């Protein structure tokens, strides 16, 4: 039995990493923002969500009753 908070979903899969654009996806004209800027933002969000997910998993493991 787990005492995880009620707002945690039972099925809590890890977040999916963003797909990196191919180098040729950039047109090279100095667009602002560039496709790689969007990817960097998505990657930062993914890392934050992954850390939160890892913390939930660690807390779940610590709260399981045997």
C-alpha atoms as a PDB file:
ATOM      1  CA  UNK A   1       0.000   0.000   0.000  1.00  0.00           C
ATOM      2  CA  UNK A   2       1.226   3.488  -0.822  1.00  0.00           C
ATOM      3  CA  UNK A   3       0.474   6.742   0.930  1.00  0.00           C
ATOM      4  CA  UNK A   4       1.202   8.862  -2.144  1.00  0.00           C
ATOM      5  CA  UNK A   5      -0.826  12.075  -2.377  1.00  0.00           C
ATOM      6  CA  UNK A   6      -4.227  11.638  -4.009  1.00  0.00           C
ATOM      7  CA  UNK A   7      -3.378  14.000  -6.867  1.00  0.00           C
ATOM      8  CA  UNK A   8      -0.671  11.607  -8.119  1.00  0.00           C
ATOM      9  CA  UNK A   9      -1.887   9.380 -10.936  1.00  0.00           C
ATOM     10  CA  UNK A  10      -1.710   5.627 -10.399  1.00  0.00           C
ATOM     11  CA  UNK A  11      -0.066   5.187 -13.780  1.00  0.00           C
ATOM     12  CA  UNK A  12       2.813   7.685 -13.702  1.00  0.00           C
ATOM     13  CA  UNK A  13       5.078   7.035 -16.708  1.00  0.00           C
ATOM     14  CA  UNK A  14       8.245   9.075 -17.129  1.00  0.00           C
ATOM     15  CA  UNK A  15       8.016  12.099 -19.402  1.00  0.00           C
ATOM     16  CA  UNK A  16       8.986  11.689 -23.041  1.00  0.00           C
ATOM     17  CA  UNK A  17      12.082  13.605 -24.172  1.00  0.00           C
ATOM     18  CA  UNK A  18      11.620  16.029 -27.055  1.00  0.00           C
ATOM     19  CA  UNK A  19      12.807  14.950 -30.481  1.00  0.00           C
ATOM     20  CA  UNK A  20      15.930  16.790 -31.529  1.00  0.00           C
ATOM     21  CA  UNK A  21      15.590  18.531 -34.882  1.00  0.00           C
ATOM     22  CA  UNK A  22      17.966  17.434 -37.608  1.00  0.00           C
ATOM     23  CA  UNK A  23      20.827  19.871 -38.247  1.00  0.00           C
ATOM     24  CA  UNK A  24      19.411  20.646 -41.696  1.00  0.00           C
ATOM     25  CA  UNK A  25      16.096  21.689 -40.105  1.00  0.00           C
ATOM     26  CA  UNK A  26      17.679  25.081 -39.440  1.00  0.00           C
ATOM     27  CA  UNK A  27      17.544  27.349 -42.461  1.00  0.00           C
ATOM     28  CA  UNK A  28      20.661  29.234 -41.346  1.00  0.00           C
ATOM     29  CA  UNK A  29      19.126  32.658 -41.947  1.00  0.00           C
ATOM     30  CA  UNK A  30      19.214  33.727 -38.308  1.00  0.00           C
ATOM     31  CA  UNK A  31      15.506  33.314 -37.603  1.00  0.00           C
ATOM     32  CA  UNK A  32      14.416  34.582 -34.213  1.00  0.00           C
ATOM     33  CA  UNK A  33      13.434  32.243 -32.688  1.00  0.00           C
ATOM     34  CA  UNK A  34      15.194  29.389 -34.419  1.00  0.00           C
ATOM     35  CA  UNK A  35      13.860  25.830 -34.408  1.00  0.00           C
ATOM     36  CA  UNK A  36      16.735  25.009 -32.050  1.00  0.00           C
ATOM     37  CA  UNK A  37      15.514  27.697 -29.623  1.00  0.00           C
ATOM     38  CA  UNK A  38      12.181  25.881 -29.436  1.00  0.00           C
ATOM     39  CA  UNK A  39      13.982  22.594 -28.917  1.00  0.00           C
ATOM     40  CA  UNK A  40      16.097  24.096 -26.107  1.00  0.00           C
ATOM     41  CA  UNK A  41      12.915  25.289 -24.352  1.00  0.00           C
ATOM     42  CA  UNK A  42      11.284  21.875 -24.752  1.00  0.00           C
ATOM     43  CA  UNK A  43      14.434  20.171 -23.443  1.00  0.00           C
ATOM     44  CA  UNK A  44      14.509  22.423 -20.377  1.00  0.00           C
ATOM     45  CA  UNK A  45      10.847  21.647 -19.669  1.00  0.00           C
ATOM     46  CA  UNK A  46      11.494  17.920 -20.145  1.00  0.00           C
ATOM     47  CA  UNK A  47      14.400  17.996 -17.674  1.00  0.00           C
ATOM     48  CA  UNK A  48      12.250  19.769 -15.087  1.00  0.00           C
ATOM     49  CA  UNK A  49       9.416  17.272 -15.566  1.00  0.00           C
ATOM     50  CA  UNK A  50      11.872  14.352 -15.386  1.00  0.00           C
ATOM     51  CA  UNK A  51      13.290  15.636 -12.108  1.00  0.00           C
ATOM     52  CA  UNK A  52       9.781  16.020 -10.677  1.00  0.00           C
ATOM     53  CA  UNK A  53       8.912  12.500 -11.861  1.00  0.00           C
ATOM     54  CA  UNK A  54      12.102  11.062 -10.311  1.00  0.00           C
ATOM     55  CA  UNK A  55      11.286  12.781  -7.028  1.00  0.00           C
ATOM     56  CA  UNK A  56       7.757  11.325  -7.068  1.00  0.00           C
ATOM     57  CA  UNK A  57       9.128   7.857  -7.755  1.00  0.00           C
ATOM     58  CA  UNK A  58      11.653   8.143  -4.930  1.00  0.00           C
ATOM     59  CA  UNK A  59       8.942   9.359  -2.577  1.00  0.00           C
ATOM     60  CA  UNK A  60       6.642   6.521  -3.652  1.00  0.00           C
ATOM     61  CA  UNK A  61       9.369   3.974  -3.004  1.00  0.00           C
ATOM     62  CA  UNK A  62       9.931   5.474   0.426  1.00  0.00           C
ATOM     63  CA  UNK A  63       6.240   5.416   1.316  1.00  0.00           C
ATOM     64  CA  UNK A  64       5.419   1.831   0.339  1.00  0.00           C
ATOM     65  CA  UNK A  65       4.400  -0.355   3.202  1.00  0.00           C
ATOM     66  CA  UNK A  66       5.579  -3.946   3.129  1.00  0.00           C
END
